[in-house]
Each structure stands twice: as C-alpha cells, then as structure tokens.
Amino acid sequence: MGRAKVNDLLDFFVGKYGGEHTIAFQQARLNFIQSMAAYSVACYILQIKDRHNGNIMIDGEGHIVHIGKPTVGSDFVC
C-alpha cells in the first residue's frame, strides 16, 4: 500500500491538467518552464545551493514553489 507515486513529470502534468494538446496543459507547462528558468538563473547568480526535488513543489498553475532554507556555499548545487 502506501502513497501512490508519480515519478514522471509528464504523467503528473497530463493527470493534473489534461492531455498535451489542452490549453490548461500548455499554460501549466509554460508556467513551469518560465518559473524554472527564473529559479535557475537566480540560484546561479546568488550561489544558492542545496536545491533538490525535496525542496521544490509545483503549485496549482504549474509554477515551481521553493520550500526549505537555501544554504549559500554548501556542497550541493542548484
């Protein structure tokens, strides 16, 4: 038993927003891409480390949401 897991981002998006050709899916994908790009640039410029899948969630519109405390200068990379 236990929690059901979705290990594939595409499967998650299709399950939540509908097929790949729906407007909701395309908008969520665009939101995800734009927020991930901005997040990656910010992490690189600010040298924020310790970012991994356990620190990132996806909101209802497809944007990534950062949780946890970032560690500046740690061994983990953005």
N, C-alpha and C. Protein backbone atom coordinates (compact mmCIF):
# COMPACT_ATOMS: atom_id res chain seq x y z
N MET A 1 0.84 -1.18 0.00
CA MET A 1 0.00 0.00 0.00
C MET A 1 0.89 1.25 0.00
N GLY A 2 0.57 2.20 0.85
CA GLY A 2 1.38 3.42 0.91
C GLY A 2 0.89 4.46 -0.07
N ARG A 3 1.66 5.52 -0.17
CA ARG A 3 1.32 6.62 -1.06
C ARG A 3 1.54 6.24 -2.52
N ALA A 4 0.63 6.68 -3.37
CA ALA A 4 0.83 6.49 -4.80
C ALA A 4 1.87 7.50 -5.26
N LYS A 5 2.79 7.07 -6.09
CA LYS A 5 3.85 7.96 -6.55
C LYS A 5 3.74 8.16 -8.05
N VAL A 6 3.94 9.39 -8.46
CA VAL A 6 4.07 9.71 -9.88
C VAL A 6 5.50 10.16 -10.05
N ASN A 7 6.31 9.36 -10.72
CA ASN A 7 7.73 9.66 -10.85
C ASN A 7 8.07 10.36 -12.16
N ASP A 8 7.10 10.59 -12.99
CA ASP A 8 7.34 11.19 -14.29
C ASP A 8 6.61 12.52 -14.34
N LEU A 9 7.33 13.58 -14.65
CA LEU A 9 6.74 14.91 -14.67
C LEU A 9 5.65 15.03 -15.73
N LEU A 10 5.86 14.42 -16.89
CA LEU A 10 4.84 14.45 -17.95
C LEU A 10 3.56 13.76 -17.48
N ASP A 11 3.69 12.60 -16.85
CA ASP A 11 2.50 11.91 -16.34
C ASP A 11 1.76 12.76 -15.31
N PHE A 12 2.51 13.45 -14.46
CA PHE A 12 1.89 14.33 -13.47
C PHE A 12 1.10 15.44 -14.16
N PHE A 13 1.72 16.09 -15.13
CA PHE A 13 1.06 17.20 -15.83
C PHE A 13 -0.17 16.72 -16.60
N VAL A 14 -0.07 15.58 -17.28
CA VAL A 14 -1.21 15.04 -18.02
C VAL A 14 -2.33 14.68 -17.06
N GLY A 15 -2.00 14.07 -15.93
CA GLY A 15 -3.01 13.70 -14.95
C GLY A 15 -3.69 14.90 -14.32
N LYS A 16 -2.94 15.97 -14.11
CA LYS A 16 -3.48 17.15 -13.43
C LYS A 16 -4.16 18.13 -14.39
N TYR A 17 -3.58 18.35 -15.57
CA TYR A 17 -4.05 19.40 -16.46
C TYR A 17 -4.70 18.88 -17.74
N GLY A 18 -4.71 17.58 -17.98
CA GLY A 18 -5.30 17.03 -19.19
C GLY A 18 -4.22 16.70 -20.20
N GLY A 19 -4.65 16.28 -21.38
CA GLY A 19 -3.73 15.87 -22.44
C GLY A 19 -2.81 16.99 -22.89
N GLU A 20 -1.77 16.60 -23.60
CA GLU A 20 -0.74 17.55 -24.03
C GLU A 20 -1.27 18.65 -24.95
N HIS A 21 -2.41 18.45 -25.57
CA HIS A 21 -2.93 19.43 -26.52
C HIS A 21 -3.97 20.35 -25.90
N THR A 22 -4.23 20.20 -24.59
CA THR A 22 -5.22 21.07 -23.95
C THR A 22 -4.59 22.41 -23.58
N ILE A 23 -5.41 23.43 -23.51
CA ILE A 23 -4.94 24.77 -23.14
C ILE A 23 -4.38 24.75 -21.72
N ALA A 24 -5.06 24.05 -20.80
CA ALA A 24 -4.61 24.00 -19.40
C ALA A 24 -3.21 23.39 -19.30
N PHE A 25 -2.97 22.31 -20.04
CA PHE A 25 -1.66 21.66 -20.02
C PHE A 25 -0.59 22.60 -20.57
N GLN A 26 -0.88 23.22 -21.70
CA GLN A 26 0.10 24.11 -22.33
C GLN A 26 0.42 25.31 -21.45
N GLN A 27 -0.60 25.87 -20.77
CA GLN A 27 -0.36 27.01 -19.87
C GLN A 27 0.46 26.58 -18.66
N ALA A 28 0.13 25.41 -18.09
CA ALA A 28 0.89 24.91 -16.94
C ALA A 28 2.34 24.62 -17.34
N ARG A 29 2.55 24.06 -18.52
CA ARG A 29 3.91 23.77 -19.00
C ARG A 29 4.69 25.06 -19.18
N LEU A 30 4.05 26.09 -19.75
CA LEU A 30 4.71 27.38 -19.93
C LEU A 30 5.06 28.00 -18.57
N ASN A 31 4.13 27.93 -17.62
CA ASN A 31 4.39 28.45 -16.27
C ASN A 31 5.57 27.72 -15.63
N PHE A 32 5.61 26.39 -15.81
CA PHE A 32 6.70 25.61 -15.24
C PHE A 32 8.04 26.01 -15.87
N ILE A 33 8.08 26.10 -17.17
CA ILE A 33 9.32 26.43 -17.88
C ILE A 33 9.83 27.81 -17.47
N GLN A 34 8.93 28.80 -17.45
CA GLN A 34 9.34 30.15 -17.10
C GLN A 34 9.80 30.25 -15.65
N SER A 35 9.08 29.61 -14.75
CA SER A 35 9.48 29.70 -13.34
C SER A 35 10.76 28.92 -13.08
N MET A 36 10.96 27.79 -13.74
CA MET A 36 12.20 27.03 -13.57
C MET A 36 13.39 27.79 -14.14
N ALA A 37 13.21 28.46 -15.26
CA ALA A 37 14.30 29.24 -15.85
C ALA A 37 14.69 30.39 -14.91
N ALA A 38 13.71 31.11 -14.40
CA ALA A 38 13.99 32.21 -13.48
C ALA A 38 14.66 31.70 -12.21
N TYR A 39 14.18 30.59 -11.70
CA TYR A 39 14.75 29.99 -10.49
C TYR A 39 16.20 29.57 -10.71
N SER A 40 16.48 28.96 -11.85
CA SER A 40 17.83 28.50 -12.15
C SER A 40 18.80 29.67 -12.26
N VAL A 41 18.39 30.74 -12.92
CA VAL A 41 19.25 31.92 -13.06
C VAL A 41 19.49 32.55 -11.69
N ALA A 42 18.43 32.68 -10.89
CA ALA A 42 18.58 33.27 -9.55
C ALA A 42 19.52 32.42 -8.69
N CYS A 43 19.37 31.10 -8.74
CA CYS A 43 20.26 30.21 -7.96
C CYS A 43 21.71 30.38 -8.40
N TYR A 44 21.92 30.50 -9.69
CA TYR A 44 23.28 30.63 -10.21
C TYR A 44 23.90 31.95 -9.78
N ILE A 45 23.16 33.04 -9.97
CA ILE A 45 23.69 34.37 -9.64
C ILE A 45 23.93 34.52 -8.14
N LEU A 46 22.99 34.07 -7.34
CA LEU A 46 23.09 34.22 -5.89
C LEU A 46 23.87 33.10 -5.22
N GLN A 47 24.30 32.09 -6.00
CA GLN A 47 25.04 30.94 -5.50
C GLN A 47 24.28 30.22 -4.39
N ILE A 48 22.97 30.06 -4.58
CA ILE A 48 22.14 29.33 -3.63
C ILE A 48 22.29 27.85 -3.92
N LYS A 49 22.60 27.09 -2.91
CA LYS A 49 22.84 25.66 -3.07
C LYS A 49 21.76 24.86 -2.35
N ASP A 50 21.95 23.56 -2.27
CA ASP A 50 21.06 22.64 -1.56
C ASP A 50 19.65 22.63 -2.14
N ARG A 51 19.53 22.74 -3.43
CA ARG A 51 18.22 22.67 -4.08
C ARG A 51 18.12 21.31 -4.74
N HIS A 52 17.10 20.57 -4.42
CA HIS A 52 16.86 19.25 -5.00
C HIS A 52 15.36 19.01 -5.01
N ASN A 53 14.93 17.88 -5.52
CA ASN A 53 13.49 17.60 -5.68
C ASN A 53 12.73 17.69 -4.37
N GLY A 54 13.38 17.43 -3.26
CA GLY A 54 12.72 17.54 -1.97
C GLY A 54 12.44 18.97 -1.55
N ASN A 55 13.06 19.94 -2.22
CA ASN A 55 12.87 21.36 -1.90
C ASN A 55 11.99 22.08 -2.92
N ILE A 56 11.46 21.39 -3.89
CA ILE A 56 10.70 22.03 -4.95
C ILE A 56 9.33 21.39 -5.06
N MET A 57 8.29 22.23 -5.10
CA MET A 57 6.92 21.75 -5.31
C MET A 57 6.35 22.47 -6.52
N ILE A 58 5.24 21.98 -7.03
CA ILE A 58 4.55 22.62 -8.16
C ILE A 58 3.19 23.09 -7.67
N ASP A 59 2.87 24.38 -7.89
CA ASP A 59 1.58 24.90 -7.45
C ASP A 59 0.48 24.50 -8.44
N GLY A 60 -0.74 24.93 -8.18
CA GLY A 60 -1.89 24.55 -8.99
C GLY A 60 -1.86 25.05 -10.42
N GLU A 61 -1.01 26.04 -10.71
CA GLU A 61 -0.93 26.59 -12.06
C GLU A 61 0.32 26.14 -12.81
N GLY A 62 1.13 25.29 -12.18
CA GLY A 62 2.32 24.77 -12.85
C GLY A 62 3.62 25.46 -12.49
N HIS A 63 3.56 26.53 -11.68
CA HIS A 63 4.79 27.22 -11.25
C HIS A 63 5.52 26.38 -10.22
N ILE A 64 6.83 26.48 -10.21
CA ILE A 64 7.56 25.80 -9.15
C ILE A 64 7.54 26.68 -7.91
N VAL A 65 7.49 26.03 -6.76
CA VAL A 65 7.46 26.70 -5.46
C VAL A 65 8.62 26.15 -4.66
N HIS A 66 9.41 27.03 -4.08
CA HIS A 66 10.60 26.64 -3.35
C HIS A 66 10.28 26.54 -1.87
N ILE A 67 10.65 25.43 -1.27
CA ILE A 67 10.43 25.25 0.15
C ILE A 67 11.76 24.93 0.82
N GLY A 68 11.84 25.10 2.09
CA GLY A 68 13.08 24.83 2.80
C GLY A 68 14.00 26.04 2.78
N LYS A 69 15.06 25.97 3.57
CA LYS A 69 16.02 27.07 3.63
C LYS A 69 17.16 26.81 2.67
N PRO A 70 17.47 27.78 1.80
CA PRO A 70 18.64 27.60 0.93
C PRO A 70 19.91 27.76 1.74
N THR A 71 20.94 27.06 1.34
CA THR A 71 22.24 27.15 2.00
C THR A 71 23.22 27.75 1.02
N VAL A 72 23.81 28.88 1.38
CA VAL A 72 24.76 29.52 0.50
C VAL A 72 26.13 28.88 0.71
N GLY A 73 26.73 28.42 -0.38
CA GLY A 73 28.06 27.87 -0.34
C GLY A 73 28.18 26.44 0.14
N SER A 74 27.08 25.70 0.17
CA SER A 74 27.17 24.30 0.60
C SER A 74 27.68 23.43 -0.55
N ASP A 75 27.77 22.15 -0.32
CA ASP A 75 28.31 21.23 -1.33
C ASP A 75 27.32 20.91 -2.43
N PHE A 76 26.04 21.17 -2.23
CA PHE A 76 25.02 20.83 -3.22
C PHE A 76 24.85 21.98 -4.20
N VAL A 77 24.58 21.66 -5.43
CA VAL A 77 24.44 22.68 -6.45
C VAL A 77 22.98 22.87 -6.84
N CYS A 78 22.68 24.06 -7.31
CA CYS A 78 21.33 24.43 -7.74
C CYS A 78 20.93 23.63 -8.95
